Amino acid sequence: MNPATDRMLIRIKDVYLFIRDNGKVTTEDVAEEFNISSRTAQRDLNVLEYNELIKNSVRGEWITTSKKVKLPS
């Protein structure tokens, strides 16, 4: 993979961990935590939602699902 793809995948994994550790976050929380635009945060969240790892609990607030996830050490 190219370096940009690697960075994106690492960031998406980190976004998932951020949501899991904080319980409930907004798109703006993600954008601020990772110093990215709201649009980039939304794209990352959409990837996680598509893979059924997170869901919208209330409009604009995200939580993790109960889907099992294996994370490398």
C-alpha atoms as a PDB file:
ATOM      1  CA  MET A   1       0.000   0.000   0.000  1.00  0.00           C
ATOM      2  CA  ASN A   2       1.078   3.547  -0.499  1.00  0.00           C
ATOM      3  CA  PRO A   3       1.971   5.747   2.497  1.00  0.00           C
ATOM      4  CA  ALA A   4      -1.236   7.811   2.274  1.00  0.00           C
ATOM      5  CA  THR A   5      -3.380   4.680   2.485  1.00  0.00           C
ATOM      6  CA  ASP A   6      -1.356   3.408   5.435  1.00  0.00           C
ATOM      7  CA  ARG A   7      -1.825   6.713   7.284  1.00  0.00           C
ATOM      8  CA  MET A   8      -5.555   6.670   6.602  1.00  0.00           C
ATOM      9  CA  LEU A   9      -5.981   3.097   7.863  1.00  0.00           C
ATOM     10  CA  ILE A  10      -3.976   3.836  11.005  1.00  0.00           C
ATOM     11  CA  ARG A  11      -6.076   6.960  11.648  1.00  0.00           C
ATOM     12  CA  ILE A  12      -9.344   5.056  11.155  1.00  0.00           C
ATOM     13  CA  LYS A  13      -8.187   2.411  13.637  1.00  0.00           C
ATOM     14  CA  ASP A  14      -7.264   5.185  16.079  1.00  0.00           C
ATOM     15  CA  VAL A  15     -10.672   6.820  15.580  1.00  0.00           C
ATOM     16  CA  TYR A  16     -12.351   3.510  16.449  1.00  0.00           C
ATOM     17  CA  LEU A  17     -10.239   3.194  19.603  1.00  0.00           C
ATOM     18  CA  PHE A  18     -11.020   6.806  20.526  1.00  0.00           C
ATOM     19  CA  ILE A  19     -14.762   6.127  20.272  1.00  0.00           C
ATOM     20  CA  ARG A  20     -14.467   2.840  22.170  1.00  0.00           C
ATOM     21  CA  ASP A  21     -12.499   4.495  24.980  1.00  0.00           C
ATOM     22  CA  ASN A  22     -14.763   7.560  25.260  1.00  0.00           C
ATOM     23  CA  GLY A  23     -18.122   5.847  24.896  1.00  0.00           C
ATOM     24  CA  LYS A  24     -19.921   8.475  22.853  1.00  0.00           C
ATOM     25  CA  VAL A  25     -18.326  11.122  20.638  1.00  0.00           C
ATOM     26  CA  THR A  26     -19.400  13.640  18.035  1.00  0.00           C
ATOM     27  CA  THR A  27     -17.943  14.195  14.599  1.00  0.00           C
ATOM     28  CA  GLU A  28     -16.424  17.432  15.922  1.00  0.00           C
ATOM     29  CA  ASP A  29     -14.783  15.542  18.819  1.00  0.00           C
ATOM     30  CA  VAL A  30     -13.066  13.289  16.273  1.00  0.00           C
ATOM     31  CA  ALA A  31     -12.018  16.233  14.087  1.00  0.00           C
ATOM     32  CA  GLU A  32     -10.505  18.062  17.061  1.00  0.00           C
ATOM     33  CA  GLU A  33      -8.787  15.000  18.549  1.00  0.00           C
ATOM     34  CA  PHE A  34      -7.072  14.067  15.287  1.00  0.00           C
ATOM     35  CA  ASN A  35      -6.583  17.600  13.964  1.00  0.00           C
ATOM     36  CA  ILE A  36      -8.499  16.850  10.766  1.00  0.00           C
ATOM     37  CA  SER A  37     -11.369  18.596   9.002  1.00  0.00           C
ATOM     38  CA  SER A  38     -14.958  17.727   9.851  1.00  0.00           C
ATOM     39  CA  ARG A  39     -15.336  16.304   6.341  1.00  0.00           C
ATOM     40  CA  THR A  40     -12.346  13.968   6.781  1.00  0.00           C
ATOM     41  CA  ALA A  41     -13.683  12.905  10.173  1.00  0.00           C
ATOM     42  CA  GLN A  42     -17.060  12.160   8.580  1.00  0.00           C
ATOM     43  CA  ARG A  43     -15.414  10.042   5.859  1.00  0.00           C
ATOM     44  CA  ASP A  44     -13.506   8.050   8.496  1.00  0.00           C
ATOM     45  CA  LEU A  45     -16.694   7.567  10.512  1.00  0.00           C
ATOM     46  CA  ASN A  46     -18.528   6.431   7.389  1.00  0.00           C
ATOM     47  CA  VAL A  47     -15.893   3.728   6.813  1.00  0.00           C
ATOM     48  CA  LEU A  48     -16.351   2.486  10.375  1.00  0.00           C
ATOM     49  CA  GLU A  49     -20.141   2.615  10.088  1.00  0.00           C
ATOM     50  CA  TYR A  50     -20.084   0.751   6.752  1.00  0.00           C
ATOM     51  CA  ASN A  51     -18.096  -2.014   8.456  1.00  0.00           C
ATOM     52  CA  GLU A  52     -20.639  -2.056  11.312  1.00  0.00           C
ATOM     53  CA  LEU A  53     -18.052  -1.082  13.927  1.00  0.00           C
ATOM     54  CA  ILE A  54     -19.833   2.104  15.012  1.00  0.00           C
ATOM     55  CA  LYS A  55     -23.335   3.513  14.780  1.00  0.00           C
ATOM     56  CA  ASN A  56     -25.116   6.807  15.208  1.00  0.00           C
ATOM     57  CA  SER A  57     -26.782   6.707  18.615  1.00  0.00           C
ATOM     58  CA  VAL A  58     -28.251  10.177  18.210  1.00  0.00           C
ATOM     59  CA  ARG A  59     -27.790  12.469  15.243  1.00  0.00           C
ATOM     60  CA  GLY A  60     -24.131  13.410  15.241  1.00  0.00           C
ATOM     61  CA  GLU A  61     -23.111  11.164  18.153  1.00  0.00           C
ATOM     62  CA  TRP A  62     -21.264   7.928  17.556  1.00  0.00           C
ATOM     63  CA  ILE A  63     -20.869   4.788  19.668  1.00  0.00           C
ATOM     64  CA  THR A  64     -19.240   1.437  19.005  1.00  0.00           C
ATOM     65  CA  THR A  65     -21.309  -1.617  18.159  1.00  0.00           C
ATOM     66  CA  SER A  66     -21.030  -5.007  19.811  1.00  0.00           C
ATOM     67  CA  LYS A  67     -19.279  -6.449  16.744  1.00  0.00           C
ATOM     68  CA  LYS A  68     -16.125  -8.325  17.770  1.00  0.00           C
ATOM     69  CA  VAL A  69     -12.873  -6.664  16.717  1.00  0.00           C
ATOM     70  CA  LYS A  70      -9.401  -8.176  16.728  1.00  0.00           C
ATOM     71  CA  LEU A  71      -6.738  -5.529  17.117  1.00  0.00           C
ATOM     72  CA  PRO A  72      -3.068  -6.229  16.461  1.00  0.00           C
ATOM     73  CA  SER A  73      -0.766  -5.611  19.405  1.00  0.00           C
END
